[in-house]
Amino acid sequence: MEITQALEQSQPGLVGRVKNAIRTQHLNQRAEQNYLHWITRFVLFHDLKDPDTLGCEDRQEFLSYLGDRIEISRARLNQASQALTFFYEDVLGKVGMSETAAA
């Protein structure tokens, strides 16, 4: 499944919303690729559920999985955390999703 297909399947129009938010924040193409990567992995980890239905505990579960089970580097874990904070605050408009920092 292509990256955009996974996001669109979880919520139609989501890819466009992410890209618009990235452009609004004047982020570069590499940041766009990274953010889309982590957001998609998050959505896939939660079986393509609509991200609006996922909360802080789901975000923390994903980050714990990355850090504890997959054992990604601290830098990549921080990158994933930042991408999810951006996603929830700037794309979905949910405030307060940044209180769960990378473990």
Protein backbone atom coordinates (compact mmCIF):
# COMPACT_ATOMS: atom_id res chain seq x y z
CA MET A 1 0.00 0.00 0.00
CA GLU A 2 1.35 3.40 -0.99
CA ILE A 3 1.83 6.01 1.74
CA THR A 4 -0.92 8.30 0.50
CA GLN A 5 -3.36 5.42 0.08
CA ALA A 6 -3.03 4.42 3.73
CA LEU A 7 -3.73 7.94 4.97
CA GLU A 8 -6.61 8.44 2.57
CA GLN A 9 -8.13 5.14 3.63
CA SER A 10 -8.10 6.15 7.29
CA GLN A 11 -9.66 9.54 6.53
CA PRO A 12 -10.42 10.82 3.01
CA GLY A 13 -8.67 14.11 2.24
CA LEU A 14 -6.10 13.62 4.99
CA VAL A 15 -3.02 13.75 2.74
CA GLY A 16 -4.09 17.11 1.35
CA ARG A 17 -4.71 18.45 4.84
CA VAL A 18 -1.24 17.33 5.99
CA LYS A 19 0.45 18.86 2.94
CA ASN A 20 -1.47 22.13 3.36
CA ALA A 21 -0.44 22.36 7.02
CA ILE A 22 3.18 21.68 6.07
CA ARG A 23 3.12 24.46 3.49
CA THR A 24 1.42 26.83 5.95
CA GLN A 25 4.28 26.20 8.40
CA HIS A 26 6.82 26.71 5.57
CA LEU A 27 8.45 23.32 6.16
CA ASN A 28 10.74 21.88 3.50
CA GLN A 29 10.18 18.84 1.30
CA ARG A 30 12.30 16.59 3.54
CA ALA A 31 10.19 17.52 6.56
CA GLU A 32 7.08 16.74 4.51
CA GLN A 33 8.42 13.30 3.63
CA ASN A 34 9.40 12.58 7.24
CA TYR A 35 6.10 13.77 8.68
CA LEU A 36 4.08 11.79 6.15
CA HIS A 37 6.20 8.72 6.93
CA TRP A 38 5.64 8.87 10.70
CA ILE A 39 1.98 9.83 10.44
CA THR A 40 1.37 6.92 8.08
CA ARG A 41 3.21 4.47 10.34
CA PHE A 42 1.09 5.70 13.25
CA VAL A 43 -2.14 5.19 11.30
CA LEU A 44 -1.04 1.77 10.06
CA PHE A 45 0.01 0.75 13.59
CA HIS A 46 -3.57 1.45 14.65
CA ASP A 47 -5.09 -0.56 11.78
CA LEU A 48 -6.10 2.45 9.65
CA LYS A 49 -8.45 3.83 12.29
CA ASP A 50 -9.61 7.39 11.79
CA PRO A 51 -6.95 9.50 13.58
CA ASP A 52 -9.70 11.69 15.07
CA THR A 53 -10.72 8.70 17.18
CA LEU A 54 -7.19 8.13 18.53
CA GLY A 55 -5.95 9.91 21.62
CA CYS A 56 -2.86 10.56 23.71
CA GLU A 57 -2.72 6.99 24.95
CA ASP A 58 -2.67 5.71 21.36
CA ARG A 59 0.14 8.10 20.52
CA GLN A 60 2.11 6.97 23.57
CA GLU A 61 1.52 3.31 22.70
CA PHE A 62 2.98 3.88 19.24
CA LEU A 63 6.01 5.78 20.55
CA SER A 64 6.64 3.12 23.18
CA TYR A 65 6.46 0.46 20.48
CA LEU A 66 9.04 2.34 18.42
CA GLY A 67 11.37 2.88 21.36
CA ASP A 68 10.99 -0.41 23.21
CA ARG A 69 10.15 -3.03 20.59
CA ILE A 70 11.69 -1.63 17.42
CA GLU A 71 14.48 0.16 19.32
CA ILE A 72 14.83 3.08 16.94
CA SER A 73 17.34 5.79 17.81
CA ARG A 74 16.47 8.61 20.18
CA ALA A 75 16.70 11.09 17.30
CA ARG A 76 14.20 9.15 15.17
CA LEU A 77 11.92 8.70 18.15
CA ASN A 78 11.94 12.46 18.70
CA GLN A 79 11.25 12.94 14.99
CA ALA A 80 8.23 10.63 15.21
CA SER A 81 6.98 12.45 18.30
CA GLN A 82 7.33 15.84 16.61
CA ALA A 83 5.50 14.56 13.52
CA LEU A 84 2.58 13.35 15.64
CA THR A 85 2.45 16.59 17.61
CA PHE A 86 2.35 18.52 14.33
CA PHE A 87 -0.30 16.15 12.99
CA TYR A 88 -2.66 16.49 15.93
CA GLU A 89 -2.17 20.19 16.56
CA ASP A 90 -1.66 21.67 13.08
CA VAL A 91 -3.62 19.23 10.92
CA LEU A 92 -6.42 17.94 13.16
CA GLY A 93 -6.59 21.04 15.38
CA LYS A 94 -6.45 19.10 18.64
CA VAL A 95 -4.66 21.00 21.38
CA GLY A 96 -2.92 19.16 24.21
CA MET A 97 -1.57 16.24 22.19
CA SER A 98 2.04 17.25 22.89
CA GLU A 99 2.12 16.34 26.56
CA THR A 100 3.37 12.84 25.82
CA ALA A 101 7.02 13.29 25.02
CA ALA A 102 9.21 10.65 23.44
CA ALA A 103 10.28 8.12 26.04
